[in-house]
Amino acid sequence: MKIYKNHRNPARISRIQEEDNSSAKRIAPHSTSLRTELSSSLYVIKNKQILIVILVSLISRLIFFFSYHPIWWDSAVYLSMGKYIFSFGKVGFWEYTRPVLWPIILGFFWKLGLNAVIIGRILELFFSLGIIYLTYLIANEIFNKRTALISSLILSFTPTFFFFGYRLYTSIPSAFLSLLAIYSFIKLKDNEKINKLIFSS
């Protein structure tokens, strides 16, 4: 900031102030971008271990992603329900005892002309990685970082968890949403707004 010695020329002072304000406006976006980059770098450094676990989990799942995975009955039902919804009953069939959110998601991509099986497996892949990360976050909140890392690592390569990541069942999406609700509930504090409680419910 310049020090204005000549107070007899208000026009000059006003012009200099405008220049200073415009300089500040030009610098502000760069400083915001720099802070964002620094915070991202610090997050990666602080959480590099769980990021490595997630990366290894992703690679291991991609290895088997294009292998042959048969469509079991439950998976076929969810796909057929999705088609039934978006074709207004002309294609597929309906089972009243099944949850509807997963069929709606699969049916939506089928309606777009995409392969609902491949899209469903991609979604389950991301849901699986989300489950691993949420397990880490919840364990870190309740216990400590070491316990959280061990928990997420064990879960990541549990055979049952690995197996159902390709089956188009509701198990993986529902587990992700359940853990997300639990984590949101844990993060509640006495003075926080009720919106997180509503979100967790």
N, C-alpha and C. Protein backbone atom coordinates (compact mmCIF):
# COMPACT_ATOMS: atom_id res chain seq x y z
N MET A 1 0.86 -1.19 0.00
CA MET A 1 0.00 0.00 0.00
C MET A 1 0.89 1.24 0.00
N LYS A 2 0.60 2.18 -0.91
CA LYS A 2 1.40 3.39 -0.99
C LYS A 2 0.99 4.36 0.12
N ILE A 3 1.97 5.17 0.55
CA ILE A 3 1.70 6.22 1.55
C ILE A 3 1.51 7.53 0.80
N TYR A 4 0.36 8.16 0.99
CA TYR A 4 0.03 9.34 0.23
C TYR A 4 0.49 10.59 0.99
N LYS A 5 1.54 11.25 0.43
CA LYS A 5 2.09 12.45 1.09
C LYS A 5 1.41 13.71 0.61
N ASN A 6 0.93 13.69 -0.63
CA ASN A 6 0.34 14.89 -1.18
C ASN A 6 -1.17 14.82 -1.04
N HIS A 7 -1.69 15.46 0.01
CA HIS A 7 -3.12 15.45 0.26
C HIS A 7 -3.84 16.57 -0.49
N ARG A 8 -3.09 17.40 -1.28
CA ARG A 8 -3.71 18.52 -1.98
C ARG A 8 -4.25 18.11 -3.36
N ASN A 9 -3.99 16.85 -3.74
CA ASN A 9 -4.43 16.40 -5.06
C ASN A 9 -5.33 15.17 -4.88
N PRO A 10 -6.60 15.36 -4.54
CA PRO A 10 -7.48 14.23 -4.29
C PRO A 10 -7.70 13.37 -5.53
N ALA A 11 -7.65 13.95 -6.72
CA ALA A 11 -7.85 13.16 -7.93
C ALA A 11 -6.74 12.14 -8.10
N ARG A 12 -5.50 12.59 -7.82
CA ARG A 12 -4.35 11.68 -7.93
C ARG A 12 -4.45 10.57 -6.90
N ILE A 13 -4.85 10.93 -5.68
CA ILE A 13 -4.99 9.94 -4.61
C ILE A 13 -6.05 8.91 -4.98
N SER A 14 -7.16 9.37 -5.52
CA SER A 14 -8.24 8.47 -5.92
C SER A 14 -7.78 7.52 -7.02
N ARG A 15 -6.98 8.05 -7.97
CA ARG A 15 -6.49 7.22 -9.06
C ARG A 15 -5.54 6.14 -8.55
N ILE A 16 -4.68 6.51 -7.61
CA ILE A 16 -3.73 5.55 -7.04
C ILE A 16 -4.47 4.46 -6.27
N GLN A 17 -5.51 4.87 -5.52
CA GLN A 17 -6.29 3.89 -4.77
C GLN A 17 -6.99 2.91 -5.70
N GLU A 18 -7.49 3.41 -6.83
CA GLU A 18 -8.13 2.52 -7.79
C GLU A 18 -7.14 1.52 -8.36
N GLU A 19 -5.89 2.01 -8.60
CA GLU A 19 -4.85 1.10 -9.11
C GLU A 19 -4.54 0.01 -8.08
N ASP A 20 -4.46 0.41 -6.79
CA ASP A 20 -4.19 -0.56 -5.73
C ASP A 20 -5.31 -1.60 -5.64
N ASN A 21 -6.55 -1.13 -5.75
CA ASN A 21 -7.69 -2.05 -5.65
C ASN A 21 -7.70 -3.04 -6.81
N SER A 22 -7.39 -2.54 -8.02
CA SER A 22 -7.38 -3.43 -9.15
C SER A 22 -6.25 -4.45 -9.06
N SER A 23 -5.09 -4.03 -8.50
CA SER A 23 -3.98 -4.96 -8.29
C SER A 23 -4.37 -6.05 -7.30
N ALA A 24 -5.07 -5.65 -6.23
CA ALA A 24 -5.51 -6.61 -5.22
C ALA A 24 -6.47 -7.62 -5.81
N LYS A 25 -7.35 -7.16 -6.72
CA LYS A 25 -8.31 -8.06 -7.33
C LYS A 25 -7.62 -9.05 -8.25
N ARG A 26 -6.53 -8.61 -8.90
CA ARG A 26 -5.80 -9.52 -9.77
C ARG A 26 -5.04 -10.57 -8.97
N ILE A 27 -4.55 -10.18 -7.80
CA ILE A 27 -3.76 -11.09 -6.97
C ILE A 27 -4.66 -12.09 -6.25
N ALA A 28 -5.89 -11.70 -5.89
CA ALA A 28 -6.77 -12.54 -5.07
C ALA A 28 -7.03 -13.91 -5.67
N PRO A 29 -7.40 -14.02 -6.98
CA PRO A 29 -7.64 -15.36 -7.52
C PRO A 29 -6.41 -16.25 -7.47
N HIS A 30 -5.21 -15.65 -7.70
CA HIS A 30 -3.98 -16.43 -7.66
C HIS A 30 -3.71 -16.93 -6.24
N SER A 31 -3.96 -16.11 -5.24
CA SER A 31 -3.74 -16.54 -3.86
C SER A 31 -4.73 -17.62 -3.46
N THR A 32 -5.98 -17.52 -3.95
CA THR A 32 -6.98 -18.56 -3.67
C THR A 32 -6.57 -19.88 -4.31
N SER A 33 -6.10 -19.81 -5.56
CA SER A 33 -5.64 -21.01 -6.25
C SER A 33 -4.45 -21.63 -5.54
N LEU A 34 -3.54 -20.78 -5.07
CA LEU A 34 -2.36 -21.27 -4.36
C LEU A 34 -2.76 -21.97 -3.07
N ARG A 35 -3.71 -21.37 -2.33
CA ARG A 35 -4.17 -21.99 -1.09
C ARG A 35 -4.82 -23.34 -1.36
N THR A 36 -5.59 -23.43 -2.47
CA THR A 36 -6.23 -24.70 -2.82
C THR A 36 -5.20 -25.77 -3.14
N GLU A 37 -4.17 -25.38 -3.90
CA GLU A 37 -3.11 -26.33 -4.25
C GLU A 37 -2.35 -26.80 -3.01
N LEU A 38 -2.07 -25.86 -2.11
CA LEU A 38 -1.35 -26.22 -0.88
C LEU A 38 -2.18 -27.14 -0.01
N SER A 39 -3.47 -26.85 0.12
CA SER A 39 -4.32 -27.69 0.94
C SER A 39 -4.44 -29.09 0.35
N SER A 40 -4.51 -29.18 -1.00
CA SER A 40 -4.57 -30.49 -1.66
C SER A 40 -3.29 -31.27 -1.45
N SER A 41 -2.15 -30.58 -1.54
CA SER A 41 -0.86 -31.23 -1.34
C SER A 41 -0.72 -31.72 0.09
N LEU A 42 -1.13 -30.89 1.04
CA LEU A 42 -1.06 -31.30 2.44
C LEU A 42 -1.97 -32.49 2.72
N TYR A 43 -3.15 -32.51 2.09
CA TYR A 43 -4.07 -33.64 2.29
C TYR A 43 -3.44 -34.94 1.77
N VAL A 44 -2.81 -34.87 0.59
CA VAL A 44 -2.17 -36.06 0.03
C VAL A 44 -1.05 -36.55 0.92
N ILE A 45 -0.23 -35.63 1.42
CA ILE A 45 0.88 -36.01 2.29
C ILE A 45 0.37 -36.62 3.59
N LYS A 46 -0.67 -36.02 4.14
CA LYS A 46 -1.20 -36.48 5.42
C LYS A 46 -1.90 -37.82 5.30
N ASN A 47 -2.52 -38.08 4.15
CA ASN A 47 -3.31 -39.30 3.97
C ASN A 47 -2.74 -40.21 2.89
N LYS A 48 -1.43 -40.16 2.69
CA LYS A 48 -0.85 -40.92 1.58
C LYS A 48 -1.00 -42.43 1.77
N GLN A 49 -1.04 -42.89 3.04
CA GLN A 49 -1.14 -44.33 3.27
C GLN A 49 -2.49 -44.89 2.82
N ILE A 50 -3.58 -44.23 3.19
CA ILE A 50 -4.89 -44.72 2.77
C ILE A 50 -5.08 -44.53 1.26
N LEU A 51 -4.48 -43.50 0.70
CA LEU A 51 -4.55 -43.31 -0.75
C LEU A 51 -3.83 -44.43 -1.49
N ILE A 52 -2.74 -44.92 -0.90
CA ILE A 52 -2.03 -46.06 -1.49
C ILE A 52 -2.89 -47.31 -1.41
N VAL A 53 -3.55 -47.52 -0.27
CA VAL A 53 -4.45 -48.67 -0.12
C VAL A 53 -5.56 -48.63 -1.16
N ILE A 54 -6.15 -47.45 -1.35
CA ILE A 54 -7.23 -47.31 -2.33
C ILE A 54 -6.70 -47.54 -3.75
N LEU A 55 -5.51 -47.04 -4.04
CA LEU A 55 -4.92 -47.23 -5.37
C LEU A 55 -4.65 -48.70 -5.65
N VAL A 56 -4.08 -49.40 -4.67
CA VAL A 56 -3.83 -50.84 -4.83
C VAL A 56 -5.14 -51.60 -4.99
N SER A 57 -6.16 -51.21 -4.23
CA SER A 57 -7.47 -51.84 -4.35
C SER A 57 -8.06 -51.63 -5.73
N LEU A 58 -7.90 -50.41 -6.25
CA LEU A 58 -8.41 -50.10 -7.58
C LEU A 58 -7.72 -50.96 -8.64
N ILE A 59 -6.40 -51.04 -8.57
CA ILE A 59 -5.64 -51.82 -9.55
C ILE A 59 -6.02 -53.30 -9.49
N SER A 60 -6.13 -53.84 -8.27
CA SER A 60 -6.47 -55.25 -8.11
C SER A 60 -7.86 -55.55 -8.64
N ARG A 61 -8.78 -54.62 -8.50
CA ARG A 61 -10.14 -54.83 -9.01
C ARG A 61 -10.21 -54.67 -10.53
N LEU A 62 -9.40 -53.78 -11.07
CA LEU A 62 -9.38 -53.60 -12.51
C LEU A 62 -8.82 -54.84 -13.21
N ILE A 63 -7.93 -55.56 -12.55
CA ILE A 63 -7.35 -56.77 -13.13
C ILE A 63 -8.44 -57.79 -13.44
N PHE A 64 -9.42 -57.91 -12.52
CA PHE A 64 -10.49 -58.89 -12.69
C PHE A 64 -11.76 -58.27 -13.28
N PHE A 65 -11.73 -57.00 -13.59
CA PHE A 65 -12.95 -56.32 -14.01
C PHE A 65 -13.52 -56.90 -15.30
N PHE A 66 -12.68 -57.19 -16.27
CA PHE A 66 -13.14 -57.67 -17.57
C PHE A 66 -13.14 -59.19 -17.67
N SER A 67 -12.94 -59.86 -16.53
CA SER A 67 -13.07 -61.31 -16.53
C SER A 67 -14.55 -61.69 -16.62
N TYR A 68 -14.80 -62.96 -16.83
CA TYR A 68 -16.19 -63.41 -16.94
C TYR A 68 -16.84 -63.44 -15.56
N HIS A 69 -17.94 -62.68 -15.41
CA HIS A 69 -18.72 -62.68 -14.18
C HIS A 69 -20.17 -62.96 -14.55
N PRO A 70 -20.67 -64.14 -14.24
CA PRO A 70 -22.04 -64.48 -14.66
C PRO A 70 -23.08 -63.60 -13.97
N ILE A 71 -24.17 -63.39 -14.68
CA ILE A 71 -25.30 -62.63 -14.13
C ILE A 71 -26.16 -63.59 -13.33
N TRP A 72 -26.15 -63.47 -12.03
CA TRP A 72 -26.95 -64.34 -11.19
C TRP A 72 -28.40 -63.84 -11.16
N TRP A 73 -29.26 -64.65 -10.53
CA TRP A 73 -30.68 -64.35 -10.56
C TRP A 73 -31.00 -62.97 -10.00
N ASP A 74 -30.48 -62.65 -8.83
CA ASP A 74 -30.78 -61.36 -8.22
C ASP A 74 -30.33 -60.20 -9.11
N SER A 75 -29.16 -60.35 -9.72
CA SER A 75 -28.67 -59.30 -10.62
C SER A 75 -29.61 -59.14 -11.81
N ALA A 76 -30.06 -60.28 -12.37
CA ALA A 76 -30.97 -60.23 -13.51
C ALA A 76 -32.30 -59.58 -13.13
N VAL A 77 -32.74 -59.81 -11.90
CA VAL A 77 -33.99 -59.20 -11.43
C VAL A 77 -33.85 -57.69 -11.37
N TYR A 78 -32.73 -57.19 -10.81
CA TYR A 78 -32.54 -55.73 -10.72
C TYR A 78 -32.46 -55.09 -12.10
N LEU A 79 -31.78 -55.77 -13.02
CA LEU A 79 -31.71 -55.25 -14.39
C LEU A 79 -33.09 -55.23 -15.05
N SER A 80 -33.85 -56.31 -14.85
CA SER A 80 -35.19 -56.39 -15.44
C SER A 80 -36.14 -55.38 -14.82
N MET A 81 -36.01 -55.14 -13.52
CA MET A 81 -36.84 -54.14 -12.87
C MET A 81 -36.54 -52.74 -13.41
N GLY A 82 -35.26 -52.48 -13.65
CA GLY A 82 -34.89 -51.19 -14.22
C GLY A 82 -35.49 -50.99 -15.60
N LYS A 83 -35.44 -52.04 -16.42
CA LYS A 83 -36.05 -51.96 -17.75
C LYS A 83 -37.56 -51.80 -17.64
N TYR A 84 -38.15 -52.49 -16.68
CA TYR A 84 -39.60 -52.42 -16.49
C TYR A 84 -40.04 -50.99 -16.14
N ILE A 85 -39.24 -50.35 -15.28
CA ILE A 85 -39.58 -48.98 -14.85
C ILE A 85 -39.52 -48.02 -16.02
N PHE A 86 -38.43 -48.06 -16.78
CA PHE A 86 -38.22 -47.06 -17.82
C PHE A 86 -38.87 -47.41 -19.14
N SER A 87 -39.44 -48.60 -19.24
CA SER A 87 -40.24 -48.94 -20.43
C SER A 87 -41.73 -48.94 -20.13
N PHE A 88 -42.06 -48.52 -18.90
CA PHE A 88 -43.46 -48.46 -18.47
C PHE A 88 -44.15 -49.83 -18.58
N GLY A 89 -43.38 -50.85 -18.19
CA GLY A 89 -43.95 -52.20 -18.13
C GLY A 89 -43.90 -52.99 -19.41
N LYS A 90 -43.29 -52.45 -20.46
CA LYS A 90 -43.25 -53.15 -21.75
C LYS A 90 -42.11 -54.17 -21.80
N VAL A 91 -41.04 -53.91 -21.06
CA VAL A 91 -39.87 -54.80 -21.07
C VAL A 91 -39.53 -55.15 -19.62
N GLY A 92 -38.99 -56.35 -19.44
CA GLY A 92 -38.59 -56.75 -18.10
C GLY A 92 -39.75 -57.23 -17.26
N PHE A 93 -39.53 -57.32 -15.97
CA PHE A 93 -40.59 -57.72 -15.05
C PHE A 93 -40.35 -57.07 -13.70
N TRP A 94 -41.28 -57.24 -12.78
CA TRP A 94 -41.26 -56.55 -11.49
C TRP A 94 -41.39 -57.54 -10.34
N GLU A 95 -40.58 -57.34 -9.32
CA GLU A 95 -40.71 -58.10 -8.08
C GLU A 95 -40.91 -57.11 -6.94
N TYR A 96 -42.03 -57.22 -6.26
CA TYR A 96 -42.42 -56.21 -5.27
C TYR A 96 -41.55 -56.23 -4.02
N THR A 97 -40.87 -57.32 -3.76
CA THR A 97 -40.08 -57.43 -2.53
C THR A 97 -38.68 -56.83 -2.67
N ARG A 98 -38.34 -56.37 -3.85
CA ARG A 98 -36.98 -55.87 -4.08
C ARG A 98 -36.89 -54.37 -3.81
N PRO A 99 -35.70 -53.90 -3.37
CA PRO A 99 -35.49 -52.43 -3.28
C PRO A 99 -35.49 -51.82 -4.67
N VAL A 100 -35.85 -50.55 -4.77
CA VAL A 100 -36.06 -49.94 -6.09
C VAL A 100 -34.94 -48.99 -6.53
N LEU A 101 -34.12 -48.49 -5.59
CA LEU A 101 -33.12 -47.49 -5.98
C LEU A 101 -32.11 -48.05 -6.97
N TRP A 102 -31.58 -49.22 -6.69
CA TRP A 102 -30.57 -49.81 -7.57
C TRP A 102 -31.15 -50.14 -8.95
N PRO A 103 -32.35 -50.74 -9.05
CA PRO A 103 -32.96 -50.91 -10.38
C PRO A 103 -33.20 -49.60 -11.12
N ILE A 104 -33.55 -48.54 -10.39
CA ILE A 104 -33.76 -47.24 -11.05
C ILE A 104 -32.45 -46.74 -11.67
N ILE A 105 -31.35 -46.89 -10.93
CA ILE A 105 -30.04 -46.45 -11.44
C ILE A 105 -29.66 -47.26 -12.68
N LEU A 106 -29.78 -48.59 -12.59
CA LEU A 106 -29.42 -49.45 -13.73
C LEU A 106 -30.35 -49.18 -14.92
N GLY A 107 -31.65 -49.03 -14.64
CA GLY A 107 -32.60 -48.78 -15.72
C GLY A 107 -32.38 -47.45 -16.41
N PHE A 108 -31.92 -46.47 -15.64
CA PHE A 108 -31.65 -45.15 -16.22
C PHE A 108 -30.56 -45.23 -17.28
N PHE A 109 -29.48 -45.95 -16.99
CA PHE A 109 -28.40 -46.07 -17.97
C PHE A 109 -28.83 -46.95 -19.14
N TRP A 110 -29.68 -47.95 -18.87
CA TRP A 110 -30.22 -48.76 -19.97
C TRP A 110 -31.06 -47.90 -20.91
N LYS A 111 -31.84 -46.99 -20.33
CA LYS A 111 -32.67 -46.10 -21.13
C LYS A 111 -31.83 -45.17 -21.99
N LEU A 112 -30.63 -44.83 -21.52
CA LEU A 112 -29.73 -43.98 -22.30
C LEU A 112 -29.05 -44.75 -23.44
N GLY A 113 -29.29 -46.06 -23.51
CA GLY A 113 -28.69 -46.86 -24.57
C GLY A 113 -27.33 -47.42 -24.21
N LEU A 114 -26.96 -47.33 -22.93
CA LEU A 114 -25.66 -47.84 -22.48
C LEU A 114 -25.80 -49.26 -21.95
N ASN A 115 -24.68 -49.93 -21.83
CA ASN A 115 -24.67 -51.29 -21.28
C ASN A 115 -24.83 -51.20 -19.77
N ALA A 116 -26.01 -51.57 -19.27
CA ALA A 116 -26.30 -51.43 -17.85
C ALA A 116 -25.43 -52.33 -16.99
N VAL A 117 -25.00 -53.45 -17.53
CA VAL A 117 -24.14 -54.38 -16.77
C VAL A 117 -22.78 -53.75 -16.53
N ILE A 118 -22.17 -53.22 -17.60
CA ILE A 118 -20.84 -52.60 -17.46
C ILE A 118 -20.92 -51.36 -16.57
N ILE A 119 -21.94 -50.52 -16.78
CA ILE A 119 -22.09 -49.32 -15.96
C ILE A 119 -22.31 -49.69 -14.51
N GLY A 120 -23.12 -50.71 -14.27
CA GLY A 120 -23.36 -51.16 -12.91
C GLY A 120 -22.09 -51.62 -12.22
N ARG A 121 -21.25 -52.33 -12.94
CA ARG A 121 -19.99 -52.79 -12.35
C ARG A 121 -19.03 -51.63 -12.11
N ILE A 122 -19.04 -50.64 -13.00
CA ILE A 122 -18.20 -49.46 -12.76
C ILE A 122 -18.67 -48.73 -11.50
N LEU A 123 -19.99 -48.59 -11.35
CA LEU A 123 -20.53 -47.94 -10.15
C LEU A 123 -20.18 -48.72 -8.89
N GLU A 124 -20.29 -50.03 -8.96
CA GLU A 124 -19.95 -50.86 -7.80
C GLU A 124 -18.46 -50.77 -7.48
N LEU A 125 -17.65 -50.58 -8.51
CA LEU A 125 -16.21 -50.38 -8.28
C LEU A 125 -15.98 -49.12 -7.46
N PHE A 126 -16.63 -48.02 -7.84
CA PHE A 126 -16.47 -46.77 -7.09
C PHE A 126 -17.11 -46.86 -5.71
N PHE A 127 -18.24 -47.55 -5.61
CA PHE A 127 -18.85 -47.75 -4.30
C PHE A 127 -17.92 -48.55 -3.39
N SER A 128 -17.24 -49.56 -3.94
CA SER A 128 -16.31 -50.37 -3.16
C SER A 128 -15.16 -49.52 -2.62
N LEU A 129 -14.60 -48.68 -3.49
CA LEU A 129 -13.51 -47.79 -3.05
C LEU A 129 -14.02 -46.81 -2.00
N GLY A 130 -15.26 -46.35 -2.18
CA GLY A 130 -15.86 -45.46 -1.18
C GLY A 130 -16.04 -46.14 0.16
N ILE A 131 -16.41 -47.42 0.15
CA ILE A 131 -16.56 -48.18 1.39
C ILE A 131 -15.23 -48.28 2.12
N ILE A 132 -14.18 -48.53 1.37
CA ILE A 132 -12.84 -48.63 1.98
C ILE A 132 -12.46 -47.31 2.64
N TYR A 133 -12.71 -46.22 1.93
CA TYR A 133 -12.34 -44.90 2.47
C TYR A 133 -13.20 -44.53 3.67
N LEU A 134 -14.49 -44.81 3.61
CA LEU A 134 -15.38 -44.49 4.74
C LEU A 134 -15.04 -45.34 5.96
N THR A 135 -14.63 -46.58 5.72
CA THR A 135 -14.19 -47.43 6.83
C THR A 135 -12.98 -46.81 7.52
N TYR A 136 -12.07 -46.28 6.72
CA TYR A 136 -10.90 -45.59 7.26
C TYR A 136 -11.31 -44.36 8.07
N LEU A 137 -12.20 -43.56 7.52
CA LEU A 137 -12.62 -42.33 8.20
C LEU A 137 -13.34 -42.63 9.52
N ILE A 138 -14.22 -43.61 9.52
CA ILE A 138 -14.99 -43.95 10.73
C ILE A 138 -14.06 -44.51 11.80
N ALA A 139 -13.17 -45.42 11.41
CA ALA A 139 -12.24 -45.99 12.38
C ALA A 139 -11.28 -44.93 12.92
N ASN A 140 -10.90 -43.99 12.07
CA ASN A 140 -10.02 -42.91 12.52
C ASN A 140 -10.72 -42.01 13.53
N GLU A 141 -12.03 -41.79 13.34
CA GLU A 141 -12.80 -40.97 14.28
C GLU A 141 -12.97 -41.69 15.63
N ILE A 142 -13.24 -42.99 15.59
CA ILE A 142 -13.54 -43.73 16.81
C ILE A 142 -12.26 -44.18 17.52
N PHE A 143 -11.27 -44.62 16.76
CA PHE A 143 -10.05 -45.17 17.37
C PHE A 143 -8.85 -44.27 17.04
N ASN A 144 -8.03 -44.67 16.08
CA ASN A 144 -6.86 -43.88 15.70
C ASN A 144 -6.50 -44.20 14.26
N LYS A 145 -5.50 -43.49 13.75
CA LYS A 145 -5.14 -43.63 12.34
C LYS A 145 -4.59 -45.02 12.03
N ARG A 146 -3.83 -45.60 12.96
CA ARG A 146 -3.25 -46.94 12.73
C ARG A 146 -4.35 -47.99 12.60
N THR A 147 -5.32 -47.94 13.52
CA THR A 147 -6.44 -48.88 13.47
C THR A 147 -7.26 -48.67 12.19
N ALA A 148 -7.44 -47.42 11.81
CA ALA A 148 -8.20 -47.11 10.60
C ALA A 148 -7.52 -47.68 9.36
N LEU A 149 -6.20 -47.56 9.30
CA LEU A 149 -5.47 -48.06 8.15
C LEU A 149 -5.53 -49.59 8.07
N ILE A 150 -5.37 -50.24 9.21
CA ILE A 150 -5.43 -51.71 9.24
C ILE A 150 -6.83 -52.19 8.86
N SER A 151 -7.84 -51.52 9.37
CA SER A 151 -9.23 -51.91 9.07
C SER A 151 -9.53 -51.80 7.58
N SER A 152 -9.14 -50.69 6.98
CA SER A 152 -9.41 -50.49 5.56
C SER A 152 -8.62 -51.48 4.70
N LEU A 153 -7.40 -51.81 5.14
CA LEU A 153 -6.57 -52.76 4.38
C LEU A 153 -7.16 -54.16 4.44
N ILE A 154 -7.61 -54.58 5.62
CA ILE A 154 -8.22 -55.91 5.76
C ILE A 154 -9.50 -55.99 4.93
N LEU A 155 -10.33 -54.96 5.04
CA LEU A 155 -11.59 -54.94 4.29
C LEU A 155 -11.35 -54.99 2.80
N SER A 156 -10.36 -54.26 2.34
CA SER A 156 -10.10 -54.14 0.91
C SER A 156 -9.90 -55.49 0.24
N PHE A 157 -9.25 -56.41 0.93
CA PHE A 157 -8.93 -57.71 0.32
C PHE A 157 -9.66 -58.86 0.99
N THR A 158 -10.76 -58.55 1.68
CA THR A 158 -11.62 -59.62 2.19
C THR A 158 -12.28 -60.31 1.00
N PRO A 159 -12.19 -61.62 0.89
CA PRO A 159 -12.71 -62.31 -0.30
C PRO A 159 -14.19 -62.04 -0.58
N THR A 160 -15.03 -62.03 0.46
CA THR A 160 -16.47 -61.80 0.25
C THR A 160 -16.71 -60.41 -0.31
N PHE A 161 -16.04 -59.42 0.26
CA PHE A 161 -16.18 -58.04 -0.22
C PHE A 161 -15.69 -57.91 -1.65
N PHE A 162 -14.59 -58.55 -1.93
CA PHE A 162 -14.03 -58.52 -3.28
C PHE A 162 -14.97 -59.20 -4.27
N PHE A 163 -15.54 -60.33 -3.86
CA PHE A 163 -16.39 -61.13 -4.74
C PHE A 163 -17.66 -60.40 -5.13
N PHE A 164 -18.33 -59.79 -4.15
CA PHE A 164 -19.61 -59.15 -4.42
C PHE A 164 -19.46 -57.79 -5.11
N GLY A 165 -18.23 -57.37 -5.35
CA GLY A 165 -18.02 -56.12 -6.07
C GLY A 165 -18.30 -56.22 -7.56
N TYR A 166 -18.59 -57.45 -8.05
CA TYR A 166 -18.85 -57.63 -9.49
C TYR A 166 -20.23 -58.22 -9.76
N ARG A 167 -21.07 -58.32 -8.76
CA ARG A 167 -22.29 -59.12 -8.89
C ARG A 167 -23.56 -58.29 -9.16
N LEU A 168 -23.47 -56.98 -9.15
CA LEU A 168 -24.63 -56.10 -9.36
C LEU A 168 -25.71 -56.31 -8.30
N TYR A 169 -25.29 -56.71 -7.12
CA TYR A 169 -26.23 -56.82 -6.01
C TYR A 169 -26.37 -55.46 -5.34
N THR A 170 -27.35 -55.38 -4.44
CA THR A 170 -27.52 -54.14 -3.68
C THR A 170 -26.57 -54.06 -2.49
N SER A 171 -25.81 -55.12 -2.23
CA SER A 171 -24.96 -55.18 -1.03
C SER A 171 -23.94 -54.05 -0.99
N ILE A 172 -23.23 -53.84 -2.09
CA ILE A 172 -22.18 -52.83 -2.11
C ILE A 172 -22.74 -51.42 -2.04
N PRO A 173 -23.72 -51.05 -2.88
CA PRO A 173 -24.28 -49.69 -2.77
C PRO A 173 -24.91 -49.41 -1.41
N SER A 174 -25.63 -50.39 -0.86
CA SER A 174 -26.28 -50.17 0.44
C SER A 174 -25.25 -50.06 1.56
N ALA A 175 -24.16 -50.82 1.47
CA ALA A 175 -23.10 -50.71 2.47
C ALA A 175 -22.45 -49.33 2.42
N PHE A 176 -22.24 -48.82 1.20
CA PHE A 176 -21.67 -47.48 1.05
C PHE A 176 -22.57 -46.42 1.68
N LEU A 177 -23.86 -46.47 1.37
CA LEU A 177 -24.79 -45.48 1.90
C LEU A 177 -24.93 -45.60 3.42
N SER A 178 -24.88 -46.82 3.93
CA SER A 178 -24.96 -47.02 5.38
C SER A 178 -23.75 -46.43 6.09
N LEU A 179 -22.56 -46.68 5.53
CA LEU A 179 -21.34 -46.12 6.13
C LEU A 179 -21.31 -44.60 6.02
N LEU A 180 -21.83 -44.08 4.91
CA LEU A 180 -21.90 -42.63 4.75
C LEU A 180 -22.82 -42.02 5.81
N ALA A 181 -23.93 -42.69 6.10
CA ALA A 181 -24.84 -42.21 7.13
C ALA A 181 -24.19 -42.27 8.52
N ILE A 182 -23.46 -43.36 8.78
CA ILE A 182 -22.79 -43.50 10.08
C ILE A 182 -21.72 -42.42 10.25
N TYR A 183 -20.95 -42.18 9.19
CA TYR A 183 -19.90 -41.16 9.28
C TYR A 183 -20.49 -39.77 9.49
N SER A 184 -21.58 -39.47 8.79
CA SER A 184 -22.24 -38.18 8.97
C SER A 184 -22.76 -38.02 10.39
N PHE A 185 -23.28 -39.10 10.95
CA PHE A 185 -23.79 -39.06 12.33
C PHE A 185 -22.65 -38.86 13.33
N ILE A 186 -21.52 -39.52 13.09
CA ILE A 186 -20.37 -39.39 14.00
C ILE A 186 -19.84 -37.97 13.99
N LYS A 187 -19.86 -37.32 12.83
CA LYS A 187 -19.32 -35.97 12.72
C LYS A 187 -20.21 -34.91 13.34
N LEU A 188 -21.39 -35.31 13.79
CA LEU A 188 -22.27 -34.35 14.44
C LEU A 188 -21.66 -33.86 15.75
N LYS A 189 -21.84 -32.59 16.01
CA LYS A 189 -21.42 -32.01 17.29
C LYS A 189 -22.60 -31.32 17.93
N ASP A 190 -22.47 -31.02 19.21
CA ASP A 190 -23.61 -30.46 19.96
C ASP A 190 -24.12 -29.16 19.36
N ASN A 191 -23.22 -28.34 18.85
CA ASN A 191 -23.63 -27.01 18.37
C ASN A 191 -23.82 -26.95 16.86
N GLU A 192 -23.72 -28.09 16.19
CA GLU A 192 -23.86 -28.06 14.74
C GLU A 192 -25.32 -28.05 14.33
N LYS A 193 -25.54 -27.65 13.11
CA LYS A 193 -26.90 -27.62 12.59
C LYS A 193 -27.43 -29.03 12.43
N ILE A 194 -28.73 -29.13 12.30
CA ILE A 194 -29.38 -30.43 12.22
C ILE A 194 -29.32 -31.03 10.82
N ASN A 195 -28.76 -30.28 9.84
CA ASN A 195 -28.78 -30.74 8.46
C ASN A 195 -27.98 -32.05 8.29
N LYS A 196 -26.87 -32.20 9.04
CA LYS A 196 -26.11 -33.44 8.94
C LYS A 196 -26.88 -34.61 9.52
N LEU A 197 -27.63 -34.35 10.58
CA LEU A 197 -28.46 -35.41 11.16
C LEU A 197 -29.53 -35.84 10.17
N ILE A 198 -30.13 -34.89 9.48
CA ILE A 198 -31.14 -35.21 8.47
C ILE A 198 -30.50 -35.98 7.33
N PHE A 199 -29.28 -35.54 6.92
CA PHE A 199 -28.57 -36.22 5.84
C PHE A 199 -28.23 -37.66 6.21
N SER A 200 -27.77 -37.86 7.44
CA SER A 200 -27.42 -39.21 7.88
C SER A 200 -28.64 -40.12 7.95
N SER A 201 -29.79 -39.54 8.31
CA SER A 201 -31.00 -40.37 8.36
C SER A 201 -31.48 -40.72 6.95
